[in-house]
PDB file of N, CA and C in Angstrom:
ATOM      1  N   MET A   1    -251.139  34.224  10.427  1.00  0.00           N
ATOM      2  CA  MET A   1    -251.541  33.444   9.265  1.00  0.00           C
ATOM      3  C   MET A   1    -252.871  33.240   8.650  1.00  0.00           C
ATOM      4  N   THR A   2    -252.755  33.743   7.177  1.00  0.00           N
ATOM      5  CA  THR A   2    -254.177  34.220   6.770  1.00  0.00           C
ATOM      6  C   THR A   2    -254.906  32.715   6.608  1.00  0.00           C
ATOM      7  N   VAL A   3    -256.207  32.663   6.307  1.00  0.00           N
ATOM      8  CA  VAL A   3    -256.920  31.448   5.899  1.00  0.00           C
ATOM      9  C   VAL A   3    -256.294  30.545   4.907  1.00  0.00           C
ATOM     10  N   PHE A   4    -255.830  31.545   3.656  1.00  0.00           N
ATOM     11  CA  PHE A   4    -255.185  30.767   2.666  1.00  0.00           C
ATOM     12  C   PHE A   4    -253.893  30.053   2.835  1.00  0.00           C
ATOM     13  N   GLU A   5    -252.912  30.743   3.620  1.00  0.00           N
ATOM     14  CA  GLU A   5    -251.765  30.059   4.205  1.00  0.00           C
ATOM     15  C   GLU A   5    -252.297  28.679   4.850  1.00  0.00           C
ATOM     16  N   LEU A   6    -253.074  28.884   5.892  1.00  0.00           N
ATOM     17  CA  LEU A   6    -253.475  27.486   6.472  1.00  0.00           C
ATOM     18  C   LEU A   6    -253.979  26.587   5.761  1.00  0.00           C
ATOM     19  N   ILE A   7    -255.070  26.696   4.951  1.00  0.00           N
ATOM     20  CA  ILE A   7    -255.646  25.614   4.342  1.00  0.00           C
ATOM     21  C   ILE A   7    -254.701  25.104   2.823  1.00  0.00           C
ATOM     22  N   LYS A   8    -253.230  25.974   2.543  1.00  0.00           N
ATOM     23  CA  LYS A   8    -252.436  25.758   1.650  1.00  0.00           C
ATOM     24  C   LYS A   8    -251.417  24.579   2.697  1.00  0.00           C
ATOM     25  N   ARG A   9    -251.004  24.835   3.818  1.00  0.00           N
ATOM     26  CA  ARG A   9    -250.326  24.243   4.699  1.00  0.00           C
ATOM     27  C   ARG A   9    -250.821  23.136   5.182  1.00  0.00           C
ATOM     28  N   PHE A  10    -252.118  22.788   5.472  1.00  0.00           N
ATOM     29  CA  PHE A  10    -252.802  21.704   5.745  1.00  0.00           C
ATOM     30  C   PHE A  10    -254.192  21.538   4.791  1.00  0.00           C
ATOM     31  N   ARG A  11    -253.660  20.792   3.954  1.00  0.00           N
ATOM     32  CA  ARG A  11    -254.854  20.410   2.775  1.00  0.00           C
ATOM     33  C   ARG A  11    -256.063  19.580   3.374  1.00  0.00           C
ATOM     34  N   GLU A  12    -256.139  18.891   4.567  1.00  0.00           N
ATOM     35  CA  GLU A  12    -257.120  18.186   5.073  1.00  0.00           C
ATOM     36  C   GLU A  12    -258.120  19.016   5.749  1.00  0.00           C
ATOM     37  N   ILE A  13    -257.837  20.385   5.864  1.00  0.00           N
ATOM     38  CA  ILE A  13    -259.194  20.882   5.961  1.00  0.00           C
ATOM     39  C   ILE A  13    -259.937  21.250   4.861  1.00  0.00           C
ATOM     40  N   PRO A  14    -261.421  20.619   5.074  1.00  0.00           N
ATOM     41  CA  PRO A  14    -262.646  20.779   4.180  1.00  0.00           C
ATOM     42  C   PRO A  14    -262.790  21.733   3.773  1.00  0.00           C
ATOM     43  N   PRO A  15    -262.975  21.977   2.431  1.00  0.00           N
ATOM     44  CA  PRO A  15    -263.140  23.129   1.455  1.00  0.00           C
ATOM     45  C   PRO A  15    -264.687  23.702   2.227  1.00  0.00           C
ATOM     46  N   ASP A  16    -265.533  22.921   2.633  1.00  0.00           N
ATOM     47  CA  ASP A  16    -266.544  24.008   2.796  1.00  0.00           C
ATOM     48  C   ASP A  16    -266.364  24.656   4.495  1.00  0.00           C
ATOM     49  N   LEU A  17    -265.115  24.558   4.839  1.00  0.00           N
ATOM     50  CA  LEU A  17    -264.751  25.403   6.021  1.00  0.00           C
ATOM     51  C   LEU A  17    -263.905  26.711   5.770  1.00  0.00           C
ATOM     52  N   HIS A  18    -263.551  26.789   4.230  1.00  0.00           N
ATOM     53  CA  HIS A  18    -262.786  27.380   3.981  1.00  0.00           C
ATOM     54  C   HIS A  18    -263.028  28.983   4.045  1.00  0.00           C
ATOM     55  N   SER A  19    -264.076  29.316   3.893  1.00  0.00           N
ATOM     56  CA  SER A  19    -265.116  30.510   4.043  1.00  0.00           C
ATOM     57  C   SER A  19    -265.525  30.891   5.257  1.00  0.00           C
ATOM     58  N   GLU A  20    -265.267  30.188   6.170  1.00  0.00           N
ATOM     59  CA  GLU A  20    -265.937  30.423   7.766  1.00  0.00           C
ATOM     60  C   GLU A  20    -265.372  31.437   8.516  1.00  0.00           C
ATOM     61  N   SER A  21    -265.809  32.463   9.031  1.00  0.00           N
ATOM     62  CA  SER A  21    -265.090  33.381   9.510  1.00  0.00           C
ATOM     63  C   SER A  21    -264.378  32.935  10.798  1.00  0.00           C
ATOM     64  N   VAL A  22    -264.805  31.820  11.387  1.00  0.00           N
ATOM     65  CA  VAL A  22    -264.178  31.136  12.847  1.00  0.00           C
ATOM     66  C   VAL A  22    -262.656  30.831  12.237  1.00  0.00           C
ATOM     67  N   LEU A  23    -262.771  30.231  11.038  1.00  0.00           N
ATOM     68  CA  LEU A  23    -261.387  29.875  10.445  1.00  0.00           C
ATOM     69  C   LEU A  23    -260.627  30.855  10.276  1.00  0.00           C
ATOM     70  N   GLU A  24    -260.844  31.912   9.860  1.00  0.00           N
ATOM     71  CA  GLU A  24    -260.169  33.459   9.581  1.00  0.00           C
ATOM     72  C   GLU A  24    -259.555  33.992  11.037  1.00  0.00           C
ATOM     73  N   LYS A  25    -260.500  33.746  11.766  1.00  0.00           N
ATOM     74  CA  LYS A  25    -260.005  34.133  13.504  1.00  0.00           C
ATOM     75  C   LYS A  25    -259.191  33.147  14.121  1.00  0.00           C
ATOM     76  N   PHE A  26    -259.380  32.011  13.529  1.00  0.00           N
ATOM     77  CA  PHE A  26    -258.629  30.794  14.236  1.00  0.00           C
ATOM     78  C   PHE A  26    -257.151  30.843  13.627  1.00  0.00           C
ATOM     79  N   ALA A  27    -256.787  31.304  12.319  1.00  0.00           N
ATOM     80  CA  ALA A  27    -255.487  31.181  11.692  1.00  0.00           C
ATOM     81  C   ALA A  27    -254.871  32.619  12.097  1.00  0.00           C
ATOM     82  N   ALA A  28    -255.508  33.420  12.320  1.00  0.00           N
ATOM     83  CA  ALA A  28    -254.719  34.781  12.924  1.00  0.00           C
ATOM     84  C   ALA A  28    -254.365  34.495  14.496  1.00  0.00           C
ATOM     85  N   THR A  29    -255.226  33.769  15.076  1.00  0.00           N
ATOM     86  CA  THR A  29    -254.940  33.727  16.719  1.00  0.00           C
ATOM     87  C   THR A  29    -253.783  32.669  16.881  1.00  0.00           C
ATOM     88  N   PHE A  30    -254.331  31.396  16.103  1.00  0.00           N
ATOM     89  CA  PHE A  30    -252.862  30.728  16.507  1.00  0.00           C
ATOM     90  C   PHE A  30    -251.750  30.691  15.690  1.00  0.00           C
ATOM     91  N   ASP A  31    -251.403  31.224  15.011  1.00  0.00           N
ATOM     92  CA  ASP A  31    -250.505  31.607  13.877  1.00  0.00           C
ATOM     93  C   ASP A  31    -249.383  31.150  14.314  1.00  0.00           C
ATOM     94  N   GLN A  32    -248.747  31.451  15.751  1.00  0.00           N
ATOM     95  CA  GLN A  32    -247.290  30.854  16.152  1.00  0.00           C
ATOM     96  C   GLN A  32    -247.561  29.398  16.419  1.00  0.00           C
ATOM     97  N   PHE A  33    -248.539  28.710  16.321  1.00  0.00           N
ATOM     98  CA  PHE A  33    -248.472  27.494  16.796  1.00  0.00           C
ATOM     99  C   PHE A  33    -248.921  26.563  15.719  1.00  0.00           C
ATOM    100  N   LEU A  34    -249.580  27.203  14.420  1.00  0.00           N
ATOM    101  CA  LEU A  34    -249.680  26.785  13.248  1.00  0.00           C
ATOM    102  C   LEU A  34    -248.755  26.499  12.516  1.00  0.00           C
ATOM    103  N   LYS A  35    -247.811  27.437  12.721  1.00  0.00           N
ATOM    104  CA  LYS A  35    -246.398  27.485  11.832  1.00  0.00           C
ATOM    105  C   LYS A  35    -245.751  26.311  11.993  1.00  0.00           C
ATOM    106  N   VAL A  36    -245.593  25.730  13.459  1.00  0.00           N
ATOM    107  CA  VAL A  36    -244.618  24.568  13.941  1.00  0.00           C
ATOM    108  C   VAL A  36    -245.573  23.325  14.191  1.00  0.00           C
ATOM    109  N   ALA A  37    -246.913  23.444  13.961  1.00  0.00           N
ATOM    110  CA  ALA A  37    -247.654  22.044  13.719  1.00  0.00           C
ATOM    111  C   ALA A  37    -247.435  21.459  12.391  1.00  0.00           C
ATOM    112  N   GLN A  38    -247.469  19.967  12.956  1.00  0.00           N
ATOM    113  CA  GLN A  38    -247.111  19.134  11.850  1.00  0.00           C
ATOM    114  C   GLN A  38    -247.670  17.590  12.053  1.00  0.00           C
ATOM    115  N   LYS A  39    -248.002  17.361  11.204  1.00  0.00           N
ATOM    116  CA  LYS A  39    -248.979  15.940  11.502  1.00  0.00           C
ATOM    117  C   LYS A  39    -248.070  14.906  11.710  1.00  0.00           C
ATOM    118  N   PRO A  40    -248.392  14.039  13.010  1.00  0.00           N
ATOM    119  CA  PRO A  40    -247.611  13.114  13.458  1.00  0.00           C
ATOM    120  C   PRO A  40    -247.414  11.930  12.416  1.00  0.00           C
ATOM    121  N   SER A  41    -246.467  10.923  12.281  1.00  0.00           N
ATOM    122  CA  SER A  41    -246.383   9.919  11.696  1.00  0.00           C
ATOM    123  C   SER A  41    -247.194   8.684  12.018  1.00  0.00           C
ATOM    124  N   ALA A  42    -247.663   7.849  11.190  1.00  0.00           N
ATOM    125  CA  ALA A  42    -248.553   6.770  11.765  1.00  0.00           C
ATOM    126  C   ALA A  42    -247.698   6.030  12.766  1.00  0.00           C
ATOM    127  N   CYS A  43    -246.708   5.812  12.730  1.00  0.00           N
ATOM    128  CA  CYS A  43    -246.194   5.013  13.548  1.00  0.00           C
ATOM    129  C   CYS A  43    -244.999   5.574  14.665  1.00  0.00           C
ATOM    130  N   SER A  44    -245.499   7.001  15.049  1.00  0.00           N
ATOM    131  CA  SER A  44    -244.827   7.659  16.228  1.00  0.00           C
ATOM    132  C   SER A  44    -245.040   6.834  17.306  1.00  0.00           C
ATOM    133  N   THR A  45    -244.062   7.167  18.164  1.00  0.00           N
ATOM    134  CA  THR A  45    -244.273   6.712  19.479  1.00  0.00           C
ATOM    135  C   THR A  45    -244.034   7.549  20.569  1.00  0.00           C
ATOM    136  N   GLN A  46    -243.717   8.796  20.244  1.00  0.00           N
ATOM    137  CA  GLN A  46    -243.265   9.932  20.993  1.00  0.00           C
ATOM    138  C   GLN A  46    -243.868  11.287  20.392  1.00  0.00           C
ATOM    139  N   TYR A  47    -244.667  12.064  20.415  1.00  0.00           N
ATOM    140  CA  TYR A  47    -244.879  13.337  20.129  1.00  0.00           C
ATOM    141  C   TYR A  47    -243.981  14.532  20.449  1.00  0.00           C
ATOM    142  N   ASP A  48    -243.730  15.107  19.319  1.00  0.00           N
ATOM    143  CA  ASP A  48    -242.752  16.633  19.923  1.00  0.00           C
ATOM    144  C   ASP A  48    -244.173  17.749  19.966  1.00  0.00           C
ATOM    145  N   ALA A  49    -243.611  19.102  19.838  1.00  0.00           N
ATOM    146  CA  ALA A  49    -244.181  20.213  20.269  1.00  0.00           C
ATOM    147  C   ALA A  49    -245.397  20.493  19.121  1.00  0.00           C
ATOM    148  N   GLY A  50    -244.858  20.304  17.725  1.00  0.00           N
ATOM    149  CA  GLY A  50    -245.308  20.523  16.414  1.00  0.00           C
ATOM    150  C   GLY A  50    -246.683  19.371  16.355  1.00  0.00           C
ATOM    151  N   ASN A  51    -246.101  18.093  16.583  1.00  0.00           N
ATOM    152  CA  ASN A  51    -247.407  16.959  16.749  1.00  0.00           C
ATOM    153  C   ASN A  51    -248.286  17.304  17.497  1.00  0.00           C
ATOM    154  N   HIS A  52    -247.973  17.812  18.847  1.00  0.00           N
ATOM    155  CA  HIS A  52    -249.164  18.153  19.864  1.00  0.00           C
ATOM    156  C   HIS A  52    -249.874  19.113  19.153  1.00  0.00           C
ATOM    157  N   SER A  53    -249.415  20.555  18.862  1.00  0.00           N
ATOM    158  CA  SER A  53    -250.064  21.678  18.272  1.00  0.00           C
ATOM    159  C   SER A  53    -251.004  20.997  17.177  1.00  0.00           C
ATOM    160  N   TYR A  54    -250.452  19.727  16.169  1.00  0.00           N
ATOM    161  CA  TYR A  54    -251.424  19.775  15.195  1.00  0.00           C
ATOM    162  C   TYR A  54    -252.711  18.804  15.896  1.00  0.00           C
ATOM    163  N   MET A  55    -252.201  18.222  16.643  1.00  0.00           N
ATOM    164  CA  MET A  55    -253.573  17.185  17.117  1.00  0.00           C
ATOM    165  C   MET A  55    -254.510  17.958  17.965  1.00  0.00           C
ATOM    166  N   LYS A  56    -254.214  19.026  18.616  1.00  0.00           N
ATOM    167  CA  LYS A  56    -255.025  19.729  19.475  1.00  0.00           C
ATOM    168  C   LYS A  56    -255.656  20.940  18.213  1.00  0.00           C
ATOM    169  N   LEU A  57    -254.945  21.462  17.127  1.00  0.00           N
ATOM    170  CA  LEU A  57    -255.667  22.341  16.400  1.00  0.00           C
ATOM    171  C   LEU A  57    -256.210  22.040  15.074  1.00  0.00           C
ATOM    172  N   ILE A  58    -255.417  21.216  14.211  1.00  0.00           N
ATOM    173  CA  ILE A  58    -256.124  21.012  13.157  1.00  0.00           C
ATOM    174  C   ILE A  58    -256.807  19.485  13.217  1.00  0.00           C
ATOM    175  N   ALA A  59    -256.527  18.553  13.784  1.00  0.00           N
ATOM    176  CA  ALA A  59    -257.025  17.160  14.020  1.00  0.00           C
ATOM    177  C   ALA A  59    -258.614  17.409  14.067  1.00  0.00           C
ATOM    178  N   PRO A  60    -259.048  18.266  14.609  1.00  0.00           N
ATOM    179  CA  PRO A  60    -260.697  18.184  14.710  1.00  0.00           C
ATOM    180  C   PRO A  60    -261.396  18.599  13.069  1.00  0.00           C
ATOM    181  N   MET A  61    -260.586  19.668  12.338  1.00  0.00           N
ATOM    182  CA  MET A  61    -261.106  19.752  11.015  1.00  0.00           C
ATOM    183  C   MET A  61    -260.719  18.408  10.393  1.00  0.00           C
ATOM    184  N   GLY A  62    -259.756  17.720  10.517  1.00  0.00           N
ATOM    185  CA  GLY A  62    -259.683  16.278   9.611  1.00  0.00           C
ATOM    186  C   GLY A  62    -260.376  15.335  10.184  1.00  0.00           C
ATOM    187  N   ILE A  63    -260.672  15.115  11.442  1.00  0.00           N
ATOM    188  CA  ILE A  63    -262.091  14.406  11.549  1.00  0.00           C
ATOM    189  C   ILE A  63    -263.086  14.647  11.170  1.00  0.00           C
ATOM    190  N   TYR A  64    -263.566  15.890  11.189  1.00  0.00           N
ATOM    191  CA  TYR A  64    -264.668  16.585  10.427  1.00  0.00           C
ATOM    192  C   TYR A  64    -264.544  16.120   8.853  1.00  0.00           C
ATOM    193  N   GLY A  65    -263.457  16.122   8.310  1.00  0.00           N
ATOM    194  CA  GLY A  65    -263.261  15.961   6.628  1.00  0.00           C
ATOM    195  C   GLY A  65    -263.360  14.355   6.277  1.00  0.00           C
ATOM    196  N   TYR A  66    -263.301  13.403   7.530  1.00  0.00           N
ATOM    197  CA  TYR A  66    -263.801  11.984   7.458  1.00  0.00           C
ATOM    198  C   TYR A  66    -265.134  11.901   7.706  1.00  0.00           C
ATOM    199  N   ARG A  67    -265.879  12.825   8.294  1.00  0.00           N
ATOM    200  CA  ARG A  67    -267.324  12.783   8.476  1.00  0.00           C
ATOM    201  C   ARG A  67    -267.448  12.140   9.710  1.00  0.00           C
ATOM    202  N   LEU A  68    -266.674  12.412  10.563  1.00  0.00           N
ATOM    203  CA  LEU A  68    -266.651  11.666  11.901  1.00  0.00           C
ATOM    204  C   LEU A  68    -267.176  12.274  12.845  1.00  0.00           C
ATOM    205  N   CYS A  69    -267.734  13.781  12.551  1.00  0.00           N
ATOM    206  CA  CYS A  69    -268.522  14.679  13.537  1.00  0.00           C
ATOM    207  C   CYS A  69    -269.165  15.724  12.563  1.00  0.00           C
ATOM    208  N   THR A  70    -270.232  16.366  13.055  1.00  0.00           N
ATOM    209  CA  THR A  70    -271.010  16.970  12.261  1.00  0.00           C
ATOM    210  C   THR A  70    -270.110  18.509  11.828  1.00  0.00           C
ATOM    211  N   ARG A  71    -270.120  19.223  11.107  1.00  0.00           N
ATOM    212  CA  ARG A  71    -269.863  20.852  10.324  1.00  0.00           C
ATOM    213  C   ARG A  71    -270.051  21.417  11.842  1.00  0.00           C
ATOM    214  N   GLU A  72    -271.256  21.555  12.435  1.00  0.00           N
ATOM    215  CA  GLU A  72    -271.357  22.477  13.805  1.00  0.00           C
ATOM    216  C   GLU A  72    -270.564  22.104  14.575  1.00  0.00           C
ATOM    217  N   ASP A  73    -270.376  20.559  14.967  1.00  0.00           N
ATOM    218  CA  ASP A  73    -269.545  20.073  16.049  1.00  0.00           C
ATOM    219  C   ASP A  73    -268.093  20.758  15.844  1.00  0.00           C
ATOM    220  N   CYS A  74    -267.682  20.442  14.573  1.00  0.00           N
ATOM    221  CA  CYS A  74    -266.328  21.121  14.201  1.00  0.00           C
ATOM    222  C   CYS A  74    -266.128  22.536  14.612  1.00  0.00           C
ATOM    223  N   LEU A  75    -267.001  23.387  13.937  1.00  0.00           N
ATOM    224  CA  LEU A  75    -267.022  24.841  14.196  1.00  0.00           C
ATOM    225  C   LEU A  75    -267.191  25.073  15.625  1.00  0.00           C
ATOM    226  N   GLN A  76    -267.872  24.475  16.535  1.00  0.00           N
ATOM    227  CA  GLN A  76    -267.930  24.829  17.834  1.00  0.00           C
ATOM    228  C   GLN A  76    -266.703  24.159  18.541  1.00  0.00           C
ATOM    229  N   GLN A  77    -266.031  23.302  18.119  1.00  0.00           N
ATOM    230  CA  GLN A  77    -264.921  22.837  18.534  1.00  0.00           C
ATOM    231  C   GLN A  77    -263.779  24.232  18.394  1.00  0.00           C
ATOM    232  N   LEU A  78    -263.701  24.656  17.163  1.00  0.00           N
ATOM    233  CA  LEU A  78    -262.753  25.937  16.547  1.00  0.00           C
ATOM    234  C   LEU A  78    -263.054  26.598  17.663  1.00  0.00           C
ATOM    235  N   GLN A  79    -264.336  27.213  17.601  1.00  0.00           N
ATOM    236  CA  GLN A  79    -264.787  28.394  18.523  1.00  0.00           C
ATOM    237  C   GLN A  79    -264.105  28.284  20.120  1.00  0.00           C
ATOM    238  N   THR A  80    -264.425  26.773  20.529  1.00  0.00           N
ATOM    239  CA  THR A  80    -264.116  26.628  21.979  1.00  0.00           C
ATOM    240  C   THR A  80    -262.564  27.099  22.220  1.00  0.00           C
ATOM    241  N   LEU A  81    -261.753  26.520  21.132  1.00  0.00           N
ATOM    242  CA  LEU A  81    -260.339  26.869  21.169  1.00  0.00           C
ATOM    243  C   LEU A  81    -260.203  27.994  21.362  1.00  0.00           C
ATOM    244  N   LEU A  82    -260.601  29.074  20.238  1.00  0.00           N
ATOM    245  CA  LEU A  82    -260.591  30.388  20.428  1.00  0.00           C
ATOM    246  C   LEU A  82    -261.072  30.828  21.771  1.00  0.00           C
ATOM    247  N   ASP A  83    -261.970  30.644  22.064  1.00  0.00           N
ATOM    248  CA  ASP A  83    -262.521  31.130  23.529  1.00  0.00           C
ATOM    249  C   ASP A  83    -261.521  30.644  24.742  1.00  0.00           C
ATOM    250  N   GLN A  84    -260.638  29.557  24.472  1.00  0.00           N
ATOM    251  CA  GLN A  84    -259.934  29.108  25.442  1.00  0.00           C
ATOM    252  C   GLN A  84    -258.667  29.809  25.655  1.00  0.00           C
ATOM    253  N   HIS A  85    -258.321  30.108  24.168  1.00  0.00           N
ATOM    254  CA  HIS A  85    -257.280  31.121  24.157  1.00  0.00           C
ATOM    255  C   HIS A  85    -257.334  32.654  24.719  1.00  0.00           C
ATOM    256  N   ALA A  86    -258.784  33.307  24.381  1.00  0.00           N
ATOM    257  CA  ALA A  86    -258.912  34.416  24.948  1.00  0.00           C
ATOM    258  C   ALA A  86    -259.200  34.676  26.247  1.00  0.00           C
ATOM    259  N   ALA A  87    -259.562  33.667  26.854  1.00  0.00           N
ATOM    260  CA  ALA A  87    -259.526  33.724  28.488  1.00  0.00           C
ATOM    261  C   ALA A  87    -258.060  33.415  28.991  1.00  0.00           C
ATOM    262  N   ASP A  88    -257.454  33.026  28.771  1.00  0.00           N
ATOM    263  CA  ASP A  88    -255.872  32.788  29.197  1.00  0.00           C
ATOM    264  C   ASP A  88    -255.156  32.140  28.357  1.00  0.00           C
ATOM    265  N   PRO A  89    -254.236  33.094  27.679  1.00  0.00           N
ATOM    266  CA  PRO A  89    -253.502  32.808  26.150  1.00  0.00           C
ATOM    267  C   PRO A  89    -252.435  32.127  26.694  1.00  0.00           C
ATOM    268  N   ALA A  90    -251.842  32.359  28.058  1.00  0.00           N
ATOM    269  CA  ALA A  90    -250.794  31.661  28.654  1.00  0.00           C
ATOM    270  C   ALA A  90    -250.865  30.372  28.886  1.00  0.00           C
ATOM    271  N   ALA A  91    -252.041  29.925  29.582  1.00  0.00           N
ATOM    272  CA  ALA A  91    -252.408  28.635  29.876  1.00  0.00           C
ATOM    273  C   ALA A  91    -252.749  28.006  28.822  1.00  0.00           C
ATOM    274  N   PHE A  92    -253.472  28.515  27.975  1.00  0.00           N
ATOM    275  CA  PHE A  92    -253.736  27.806  26.648  1.00  0.00           C
ATOM    276  C   PHE A  92    -252.053  27.197  26.081  1.00  0.00           C
ATOM    277  N   ALA A  93    -251.243  28.003  25.957  1.00  0.00           N
ATOM    278  CA  ALA A  93    -249.965  27.674  25.290  1.00  0.00           C
ATOM    279  C   ALA A  93    -249.448  26.675  26.024  1.00  0.00           C
ATOM    280  N   ALA A  94    -249.517  26.877  27.350  1.00  0.00           N
ATOM    281  CA  ALA A  94    -249.116  25.823  28.240  1.00  0.00           C
ATOM    282  C   ALA A  94    -249.359  24.009  28.147  1.00  0.00           C
ATOM    283  N   GLY A  95    -251.179  24.543  27.682  1.00  0.00           N
ATOM    284  CA  GLY A  95    -251.686  23.244  27.509  1.00  0.00           C
ATOM    285  C   GLY A  95    -251.312  22.148  26.387  1.00  0.00           C
ATOM    286  N   LEU A  96    -250.630  23.146  25.270  1.00  0.00           N
ATOM    287  CA  LEU A  96    -250.541  22.381  23.922  1.00  0.00           C
ATOM    288  C   LEU A  96    -249.687  21.679  24.301  1.00  0.00           C
ATOM    289  N   LEU A  97    -248.803  21.873  24.953  1.00  0.00           N
ATOM    290  CA  LEU A  97    -247.377  20.873  25.319  1.00  0.00           C
ATOM    291  C   LEU A  97    -247.297  19.842  26.530  1.00  0.00           C
ATOM    292  N   PRO A  98    -247.890  18.764  26.616  1.00  0.00           N
ATOM    293  CA  PRO A  98    -247.758  18.275  27.674  1.00  0.00           C
ATOM    294  C   PRO A  98    -246.639  17.865  28.236  1.00  0.00           C
ATOM    295  N   SER A  99    -246.370  17.619  29.361  1.00  0.00           N
ATOM    296  CA  SER A  99    -245.083  17.227  30.264  1.00  0.00           C
ATOM    297  C   SER A  99    -244.618  16.176  29.514  1.00  0.00           C
ATOM    298  N   GLY A 100    -243.569  15.899  29.270  1.00  0.00           N
ATOM    299  CA  GLY A 100    -242.980  14.494  28.782  1.00  0.00           C
ATOM    300  C   GLY A 100    -242.897  14.309  27.457  1.00  0.00           C
ATOM    301  N   ALA A 101    -243.209  15.672  26.671  1.00  0.00           N
ATOM    302  CA  ALA A 101    -243.265  15.810  25.254  1.00  0.00           C
ATOM    303  C   ALA A 101    -241.858  15.397  24.662  1.00  0.00           C
ATOM    304  N   ALA A 102    -241.609  14.662  23.932  1.00  0.00           N
ATOM    305  CA  ALA A 102    -239.854  14.758  23.161  1.00  0.00           C
ATOM    306  C   ALA A 102    -239.897  15.808  22.300  1.00  0.00           C
ATOM    307  N   ALA A 103    -238.397  16.317  22.358  1.00  0.00           N
ATOM    308  CA  ALA A 103    -238.035  17.033  21.644  1.00  0.00           C
ATOM    309  C   ALA A 103    -237.924  17.260  20.291  1.00  0.00           C
ATOM    310  N   LYS A 104    -238.130  15.814  20.045  1.00  0.00           N
ATOM    311  CA  LYS A 104    -238.220  15.691  18.332  1.00  0.00           C
ATOM    312  C   LYS A 104    -238.997  14.445  18.319  1.00  0.00           C
ATOM    313  N   GLU A 105    -240.033  14.186  17.349  1.00  0.00           N
ATOM    314  CA  GLU A 105    -240.870  13.360  17.307  1.00  0.00           C
ATOM    315  C   GLU A 105    -239.965  12.213  17.161  1.00  0.00           C
ATOM    316  N   VAL A 106    -240.431  10.798  17.663  1.00  0.00           N
ATOM    317  CA  VAL A 106    -239.877   9.516  17.901  1.00  0.00           C
ATOM    318  C   VAL A 106    -240.866   8.525  17.044  1.00  0.00           C
ATOM    319  N   LYS A 107    -239.998   8.104  16.105  1.00  0.00           N
ATOM    320  CA  LYS A 107    -240.823   6.828  15.414  1.00  0.00           C
ATOM    321  C   LYS A 107    -240.447   5.528  15.757  1.00  0.00           C
ATOM    322  N   GLY A 108    -241.571   4.600  15.729  1.00  0.00           N
ATOM    323  CA  GLY A 108    -240.835   3.082  15.917  1.00  0.00           C
ATOM    324  C   GLY A 108    -239.848   2.585  15.195  1.00  0.00           C
ATOM    325  N   PRO A 109    -239.795   1.489  15.947  1.00  0.00           N
ATOM    326  CA  PRO A 109    -238.834   0.438  14.724  1.00  0.00           C
ATOM    327  C   PRO A 109    -239.432   0.179  13.429  1.00  0.00           C
ATOM    328  N   GLY A 110    -238.363   0.708  12.521  1.00  0.00           N
ATOM    329  CA  GLY A 110    -238.831   0.171  11.032  1.00  0.00           C
ATOM    330  C   GLY A 110    -239.478   1.197  10.035  1.00  0.00           C
ATOM    331  N   CYS A 111    -239.858   2.498  10.899  1.00  0.00           N
ATOM    332  CA  CYS A 111    -240.569   3.660  10.463  1.00  0.00           C
ATOM    333  C   CYS A 111    -239.183   4.514   9.971  1.00  0.00           C
ATOM    334  N   SER A 112    -239.499   5.399   8.937  1.00  0.00           N
ATOM    335  CA  SER A 112    -238.231   6.228   8.257  1.00  0.00           C
ATOM    336  C   SER A 112    -238.673   7.870   8.564  1.00  0.00           C
TER     337      SER A 112
END
């Protein structure tokens, strides 16, 4: 996945991160996980693989977008994810999906 594809898919990624080299590495490294990542509904009661991938990989950038962390902290979180993946790709992939994850996102009563 390219950075362009990443920011097109996840518009919550703040513009000031778009030209960061770490984002380019991030997009290429996590391509397979980003393709299935999906923002969970606000009324989800159980998350599926796509939701877990989103929360682990994209949510830190969304949190930064709300200015709930610093830019430096966000970039460091992205680099830490890259380092964890480089150290053990299989363990990283396994860690994205906790046991008991739903096969499909489950939403609470009254949610569509």
